Amino acid sequence: MINRKFFFDHVRTNLFGGAMTTKQVQGLTNILNEWEANYAHHDDRWLAYMLATTHHETGRTMQPIEEWGKGKGLPYGSRFKMAKDAAGKRIPYSDTLEIFYGRGFVQLTWYENYDKAGKKLGKNFLHNAAGVMELSNATKILFFGMMEGWFTGKKLSNYFNATTEDWKNARRIINGLDKWDLIKDHALKYYAAISHTV
């Protein structure tokens, strides 16, 4: 079990400038609860990297957010699937009025990913895209997505295992090497915070 007092004292000082909002505490607590309930037998570096990713992707709010611009000018910001036809054009969809721009802790995008997340969680995100913003759903999508490689095909076990510790390339799970050094710094601070168990 993670020593919650040590954890929050550490991250408050080292990641949040000495003060945290109720919502930041709530978001972190939800992620820690999910880990301890279902995943604590896995590598703690996975949790540290998920916390760091959430920290970065939500602008430190630790709450599910909507993508700035809501996909404007991007194919997933219109009624198109990720899939392409034989001519290489994106396939449109007409079975829902929802637009599948980035939402959540890790900015879930595309029709297919909302469909996959809905099937995994037993929800209908194709007709309620905003449902991925609910804290419990966003948390589960964070875990499944980063552990199973939903976003780019890369997953946590590729970068953190018995023989590998790659804080740089782990960023490829979400978004190439964008801001990898900043996220690595956050991840190492989260890792230090969770290393004290009770």
C-alpha atoms as a PDB file:
ATOM      1  CA  MET A   1       0.000   0.000   0.000  1.00  0.00           C
ATOM      2  CA  ILE A   2       1.178   3.487  -0.829  1.00  0.00           C
ATOM      3  CA  ASN A   3       1.827   5.722   2.157  1.00  0.00           C
ATOM      4  CA  ARG A   4      -0.722   8.404   1.262  1.00  0.00           C
ATOM      5  CA  LYS A   5       0.558  10.996   3.733  1.00  0.00           C
ATOM      6  CA  PHE A   6       4.104  10.709   2.413  1.00  0.00           C
ATOM      7  CA  PHE A   7       2.817  10.684  -1.177  1.00  0.00           C
ATOM      8  CA  PHE A   8       0.759  13.859  -0.868  1.00  0.00           C
ATOM      9  CA  ASP A   9       3.389  15.685   1.188  1.00  0.00           C
ATOM     10  CA  HIS A  10       5.994  14.832  -1.451  1.00  0.00           C
ATOM     11  CA  VAL A  11       3.985  15.738  -4.565  1.00  0.00           C
ATOM     12  CA  ARG A  12       2.527  18.879  -2.976  1.00  0.00           C
ATOM     13  CA  THR A  13       6.067  20.169  -2.433  1.00  0.00           C
ATOM     14  CA  ASN A  14       7.818  18.825  -5.518  1.00  0.00           C
ATOM     15  CA  LEU A  15       5.122  18.933  -8.213  1.00  0.00           C
ATOM     16  CA  PHE A  16       2.472  21.452  -7.141  1.00  0.00           C
ATOM     17  CA  GLY A  17       4.481  24.313  -5.674  1.00  0.00           C
ATOM     18  CA  GLY A  18       3.429  23.673  -2.094  1.00  0.00           C
ATOM     19  CA  ALA A  19      -0.361  23.818  -2.478  1.00  0.00           C
ATOM     20  CA  MET A  20      -3.011  21.622  -4.106  1.00  0.00           C
ATOM     21  CA  THR A  21      -6.683  22.111  -4.867  1.00  0.00           C
ATOM     22  CA  THR A  22      -9.393  19.716  -3.734  1.00  0.00           C
ATOM     23  CA  LYS A  23      -9.857  18.598  -7.345  1.00  0.00           C
ATOM     24  CA  GLN A  24      -6.150  17.838  -7.758  1.00  0.00           C
ATOM     25  CA  VAL A  25      -6.236  15.698  -4.615  1.00  0.00           C
ATOM     26  CA  GLN A  26      -9.441  14.017  -5.811  1.00  0.00           C
ATOM     27  CA  GLY A  27      -7.955  13.141  -9.203  1.00  0.00           C
ATOM     28  CA  LEU A  28      -4.749  11.754  -7.716  1.00  0.00           C
ATOM     29  CA  THR A  29      -6.673   9.801  -5.087  1.00  0.00           C
ATOM     30  CA  ASN A  30      -8.858   8.203  -7.753  1.00  0.00           C
ATOM     31  CA  ILE A  31      -5.796   7.046  -9.723  1.00  0.00           C
ATOM     32  CA  LEU A  32      -4.098   5.690  -6.582  1.00  0.00           C
ATOM     33  CA  ASN A  33      -7.294   3.860  -5.575  1.00  0.00           C
ATOM     34  CA  GLU A  34      -7.613   2.230  -9.000  1.00  0.00           C
ATOM     35  CA  TRP A  35      -3.970   1.119  -8.860  1.00  0.00           C
ATOM     36  CA  GLU A  36      -4.222  -0.355  -5.367  1.00  0.00           C
ATOM     37  CA  ALA A  37      -7.547  -2.076  -6.092  1.00  0.00           C
ATOM     38  CA  ASN A  38      -6.547  -3.726  -9.362  1.00  0.00           C
ATOM     39  CA  TYR A  39      -2.917  -3.250 -10.376  1.00  0.00           C
ATOM     40  CA  ALA A  40      -0.641  -3.018  -7.330  1.00  0.00           C
ATOM     41  CA  HIS A  41       1.096  -6.282  -8.337  1.00  0.00           C
ATOM     42  CA  HIS A  42       2.500  -4.488 -11.417  1.00  0.00           C
ATOM     43  CA  ASP A  43       5.634  -2.361 -11.679  1.00  0.00           C
ATOM     44  CA  ASP A  44       5.365   0.884  -9.647  1.00  0.00           C
ATOM     45  CA  ARG A  45       7.104   2.693 -12.502  1.00  0.00           C
ATOM     46  CA  TRP A  46       3.912   2.154 -14.517  1.00  0.00           C
ATOM     47  CA  LEU A  47       1.914   4.087 -11.941  1.00  0.00           C
ATOM     48  CA  ALA A  48       4.548   6.833 -11.783  1.00  0.00           C
ATOM     49  CA  TYR A  49       4.466   7.243 -15.549  1.00  0.00           C
ATOM     50  CA  MET A  50       0.661   7.299 -15.685  1.00  0.00           C
ATOM     51  CA  LEU A  51       0.591   9.962 -12.969  1.00  0.00           C
ATOM     52  CA  ALA A  52       3.190  12.031 -14.831  1.00  0.00           C
ATOM     53  CA  THR A  53       1.284  11.678 -18.092  1.00  0.00           C
ATOM     54  CA  THR A  54      -1.940  12.785 -16.421  1.00  0.00           C
ATOM     55  CA  HIS A  55      -0.070  15.682 -14.779  1.00  0.00           C
ATOM     56  CA  HIS A  56       1.140  16.867 -18.183  1.00  0.00           C
ATOM     57  CA  GLU A  57      -1.921  16.122 -20.328  1.00  0.00           C
ATOM     58  CA  THR A  58      -4.362  17.851 -17.952  1.00  0.00           C
ATOM     59  CA  GLY A  59      -2.205  20.904 -17.313  1.00  0.00           C
ATOM     60  CA  ARG A  60      -1.729  19.841 -13.661  1.00  0.00           C
ATOM     61  CA  THR A  61      -5.486  19.903 -12.972  1.00  0.00           C
ATOM     62  CA  MET A  62      -5.505  16.119 -12.433  1.00  0.00           C
ATOM     63  CA  GLN A  63      -9.055  16.195 -13.802  1.00  0.00           C
ATOM     64  CA  PRO A  64     -10.350  14.948 -17.159  1.00  0.00           C
ATOM     65  CA  ILE A  65     -10.289  17.824 -19.653  1.00  0.00           C
ATOM     66  CA  GLU A  66     -11.434  18.557 -23.189  1.00  0.00           C
ATOM     67  CA  GLU A  67      -8.905  19.201 -25.933  1.00  0.00           C
ATOM     68  CA  TRP A  68      -8.317  22.881 -26.612  1.00  0.00           C
ATOM     69  CA  GLY A  69      -9.914  23.706 -29.951  1.00  0.00           C
ATOM     70  CA  LYS A  70     -11.962  20.491 -29.824  1.00  0.00           C
ATOM     71  CA  GLY A  71     -10.192  18.983 -32.835  1.00  0.00           C
ATOM     72  CA  LYS A  72     -10.812  21.979 -35.090  1.00  0.00           C
ATOM     73  CA  GLY A  73      -9.067  21.481 -38.424  1.00  0.00           C
ATOM     74  CA  LEU A  74      -8.168  17.865 -37.610  1.00  0.00           C
ATOM     75  CA  PRO A  75      -9.849  14.800 -39.172  1.00  0.00           C
ATOM     76  CA  TYR A  76     -11.152  13.518 -35.821  1.00  0.00           C
ATOM     77  CA  GLY A  77     -12.680  16.969 -35.253  1.00  0.00           C
ATOM     78  CA  SER A  78     -15.162  16.197 -38.043  1.00  0.00           C
ATOM     79  CA  ARG A  79     -17.338  13.149 -38.638  1.00  0.00           C
ATOM     80  CA  PHE A  80     -14.577  10.857 -39.868  1.00  0.00           C
ATOM     81  CA  LYS A  81     -13.212   7.558 -38.644  1.00  0.00           C
ATOM     82  CA  MET A  82      -9.531   6.767 -38.312  1.00  0.00           C
ATOM     83  CA  ALA A  83      -9.999   4.054 -40.933  1.00  0.00           C
ATOM     84  CA  LYS A  84      -9.494   4.828 -44.619  1.00  0.00           C
ATOM     85  CA  ASP A  85     -11.110   3.417 -47.730  1.00  0.00           C
ATOM     86  CA  ALA A  86      -9.281   1.799 -50.668  1.00  0.00           C
ATOM     87  CA  ALA A  87      -8.577   5.237 -52.144  1.00  0.00           C
ATOM     88  CA  GLY A  88      -6.913   6.346 -48.902  1.00  0.00           C
ATOM     89  CA  LYS A  89      -9.719   8.688 -47.846  1.00  0.00           C
ATOM     90  CA  ARG A  90     -11.055   8.756 -44.299  1.00  0.00           C
ATOM     91  CA  ILE A  91     -14.334   6.902 -43.885  1.00  0.00           C
ATOM     92  CA  PRO A  92     -17.162   9.144 -42.631  1.00  0.00           C
ATOM     93  CA  TYR A  93     -19.634   7.983 -39.988  1.00  0.00           C
ATOM     94  CA  SER A  94     -23.334   8.793 -39.674  1.00  0.00           C
ATOM     95  CA  ASP A  95     -24.508   6.570 -36.801  1.00  0.00           C
ATOM     96  CA  THR A  96     -23.974   9.297 -34.179  1.00  0.00           C
ATOM     97  CA  LEU A  97     -23.848  13.085 -33.992  1.00  0.00           C
ATOM     98  CA  GLU A  98     -20.907  13.038 -31.550  1.00  0.00           C
ATOM     99  CA  ILE A  99     -17.488  14.436 -32.485  1.00  0.00           C
ATOM    100  CA  PHE A 100     -14.595  12.414 -31.063  1.00  0.00           C
ATOM    101  CA  TYR A 101     -12.011  15.060 -30.209  1.00  0.00           C
ATOM    102  CA  GLY A 102      -9.662  14.646 -27.256  1.00  0.00           C
ATOM    103  CA  ARG A 103     -11.223  14.157 -23.848  1.00  0.00           C
ATOM    104  CA  GLY A 104     -10.126  12.694 -20.534  1.00  0.00           C
ATOM    105  CA  PHE A 105      -6.805  12.280 -18.772  1.00  0.00           C
ATOM    106  CA  VAL A 106      -5.010  11.229 -21.959  1.00  0.00           C
ATOM    107  CA  GLN A 107      -7.049  12.977 -24.647  1.00  0.00           C
ATOM    108  CA  LEU A 108      -8.895  10.024 -26.168  1.00  0.00           C
ATOM    109  CA  THR A 109      -9.569  10.757 -29.867  1.00  0.00           C
ATOM    110  CA  TRP A 110     -11.202   9.071 -32.899  1.00  0.00           C
ATOM    111  CA  TYR A 111     -14.476   7.167 -33.312  1.00  0.00           C
ATOM    112  CA  GLU A 112     -12.748   3.786 -33.095  1.00  0.00           C
ATOM    113  CA  ASN A 113     -11.060   4.574 -29.768  1.00  0.00           C
ATOM    114  CA  TYR A 114     -14.294   5.792 -28.175  1.00  0.00           C
ATOM    115  CA  ASP A 115     -15.948   2.602 -29.443  1.00  0.00           C
ATOM    116  CA  LYS A 116     -13.146   0.433 -28.013  1.00  0.00           C
ATOM    117  CA  ALA A 117     -13.238   2.234 -24.659  1.00  0.00           C
ATOM    118  CA  GLY A 118     -17.011   1.893 -24.500  1.00  0.00           C
ATOM    119  CA  LYS A 119     -16.913  -1.836 -25.165  1.00  0.00           C
ATOM    120  CA  LYS A 120     -14.161  -2.336 -22.576  1.00  0.00           C
ATOM    121  CA  LEU A 121     -16.056  -0.382 -19.900  1.00  0.00           C
ATOM    122  CA  GLY A 122     -19.576  -1.512 -20.856  1.00  0.00           C
ATOM    123  CA  LYS A 123     -20.607   2.040 -21.857  1.00  0.00           C
ATOM    124  CA  ASN A 124     -21.956   3.688 -24.996  1.00  0.00           C
ATOM    125  CA  PHE A 125     -19.410   6.421 -25.649  1.00  0.00           C
ATOM    126  CA  LEU A 126     -20.379   6.577 -29.343  1.00  0.00           C
ATOM    127  CA  HIS A 127     -23.624   8.243 -28.274  1.00  0.00           C
ATOM    128  CA  ASN A 128     -22.274   9.869 -25.098  1.00  0.00           C
ATOM    129  CA  ALA A 129     -18.747  10.993 -25.850  1.00  0.00           C
ATOM    130  CA  ALA A 130     -18.729  13.225 -22.758  1.00  0.00           C
ATOM    131  CA  GLY A 131     -18.989  10.057 -20.658  1.00  0.00           C
ATOM    132  CA  VAL A 132     -15.237   9.585 -20.994  1.00  0.00           C
ATOM    133  CA  MET A 133     -14.890  12.757 -18.903  1.00  0.00           C
ATOM    134  CA  GLU A 134     -16.408  11.125 -15.816  1.00  0.00           C
ATOM    135  CA  LEU A 135     -13.588  10.597 -13.327  1.00  0.00           C
ATOM    136  CA  SER A 136     -14.041   6.831 -12.969  1.00  0.00           C
ATOM    137  CA  ASN A 137     -14.234   6.320 -16.746  1.00  0.00           C
ATOM    138  CA  ALA A 138     -11.257   8.599 -17.441  1.00  0.00           C
ATOM    139  CA  THR A 139      -9.215   6.681 -14.876  1.00  0.00           C
ATOM    140  CA  LYS A 140     -10.028   3.282 -16.392  1.00  0.00           C
ATOM    141  CA  ILE A 141      -9.256   4.576 -19.903  1.00  0.00           C
ATOM    142  CA  LEU A 142      -5.898   5.879 -18.653  1.00  0.00           C
ATOM    143  CA  PHE A 143      -5.023   2.461 -17.224  1.00  0.00           C
ATOM    144  CA  PHE A 144      -6.307   0.270 -20.062  1.00  0.00           C
ATOM    145  CA  GLY A 145      -4.988   2.610 -22.747  1.00  0.00           C
ATOM    146  CA  MET A 146      -1.453   2.867 -21.401  1.00  0.00           C
ATOM    147  CA  MET A 147      -1.199  -0.777 -20.334  1.00  0.00           C
ATOM    148  CA  GLU A 148      -2.713  -2.249 -23.507  1.00  0.00           C
ATOM    149  CA  GLY A 149      -1.303   0.195 -26.066  1.00  0.00           C
ATOM    150  CA  TRP A 150      -4.553   1.743 -27.278  1.00  0.00           C
ATOM    151  CA  PHE A 151      -3.127   5.089 -28.339  1.00  0.00           C
ATOM    152  CA  THR A 152      -0.045   4.371 -30.442  1.00  0.00           C
ATOM    153  CA  GLY A 153       0.411   0.611 -30.129  1.00  0.00           C
ATOM    154  CA  LYS A 154       3.099   1.164 -27.473  1.00  0.00           C
ATOM    155  CA  LYS A 155       2.438   0.178 -23.854  1.00  0.00           C
ATOM    156  CA  LEU A 156       3.999   0.542 -20.420  1.00  0.00           C
ATOM    157  CA  SER A 157       5.502  -2.946 -20.391  1.00  0.00           C
ATOM    158  CA  ASN A 158       7.568  -2.050 -23.482  1.00  0.00           C
ATOM    159  CA  TYR A 159       9.497   0.530 -21.465  1.00  0.00           C
ATOM    160  CA  PHE A 160       9.362  -0.669 -17.866  1.00  0.00           C
ATOM    161  CA  ASN A 161      10.060  -4.328 -17.169  1.00  0.00           C
ATOM    162  CA  ALA A 162      12.664  -6.553 -15.517  1.00  0.00           C
ATOM    163  CA  THR A 163      15.386  -5.520 -17.979  1.00  0.00           C
ATOM    164  CA  THR A 164      14.267  -2.080 -19.171  1.00  0.00           C
ATOM    165  CA  GLU A 165      13.768   1.352 -17.654  1.00  0.00           C
ATOM    166  CA  ASP A 166      13.234   3.884 -20.431  1.00  0.00           C
ATOM    167  CA  TRP A 167      11.655   7.104 -19.138  1.00  0.00           C
ATOM    168  CA  LYS A 168      12.378   8.867 -22.448  1.00  0.00           C
ATOM    169  CA  ASN A 169      10.820   6.522 -24.974  1.00  0.00           C
ATOM    170  CA  ALA A 170       7.855   5.744 -22.729  1.00  0.00           C
ATOM    171  CA  ARG A 171       6.409   8.989 -24.073  1.00  0.00           C
ATOM    172  CA  ARG A 172       5.782   7.080 -27.327  1.00  0.00           C
ATOM    173  CA  ILE A 173       2.806   5.443 -25.563  1.00  0.00           C
ATOM    174  CA  ILE A 174       0.965   8.748 -26.005  1.00  0.00           C
ATOM    175  CA  ASN A 175       2.655  11.191 -28.360  1.00  0.00           C
ATOM    176  CA  GLY A 176       6.042  10.504 -29.941  1.00  0.00           C
ATOM    177  CA  LEU A 177       8.769  12.190 -27.921  1.00  0.00           C
ATOM    178  CA  ASP A 178       6.829  15.408 -27.287  1.00  0.00           C
ATOM    179  CA  LYS A 179       7.968  16.948 -23.959  1.00  0.00           C
ATOM    180  CA  TRP A 180       9.546  13.630 -22.926  1.00  0.00           C
ATOM    181  CA  ASP A 181      12.143  15.255 -20.674  1.00  0.00           C
ATOM    182  CA  LEU A 182       9.540  17.235 -18.712  1.00  0.00           C
ATOM    183  CA  ILE A 183       7.342  14.155 -18.280  1.00  0.00           C
ATOM    184  CA  LYS A 184      10.345  12.063 -17.228  1.00  0.00           C
ATOM    185  CA  ASP A 185      11.091  14.639 -14.524  1.00  0.00           C
ATOM    186  CA  HIS A 186       7.495  14.488 -13.275  1.00  0.00           C
ATOM    187  CA  ALA A 187       7.514  10.684 -13.396  1.00  0.00           C
ATOM    188  CA  LEU A 188      10.659  10.379 -11.292  1.00  0.00           C
ATOM    189  CA  LYS A 189       9.142  12.689  -8.676  1.00  0.00           C
ATOM    190  CA  TYR A 190       5.941  10.622  -8.611  1.00  0.00           C
ATOM    191  CA  TYR A 191       8.032   7.454  -8.401  1.00  0.00           C
ATOM    192  CA  ALA A 192       9.837   8.823  -5.346  1.00  0.00           C
ATOM    193  CA  ALA A 193       6.467   9.680  -3.797  1.00  0.00           C
ATOM    194  CA  ILE A 194       5.025   6.164  -4.216  1.00  0.00           C
ATOM    195  CA  SER A 195       8.166   4.313  -3.129  1.00  0.00           C
ATOM    196  CA  HIS A 196       7.322   4.717   0.564  1.00  0.00           C
ATOM    197  CA  THR A 197       4.846   1.998   1.418  1.00  0.00           C
ATOM    198  CA  VAL A 198       2.919   1.362   4.628  1.00  0.00           C
END
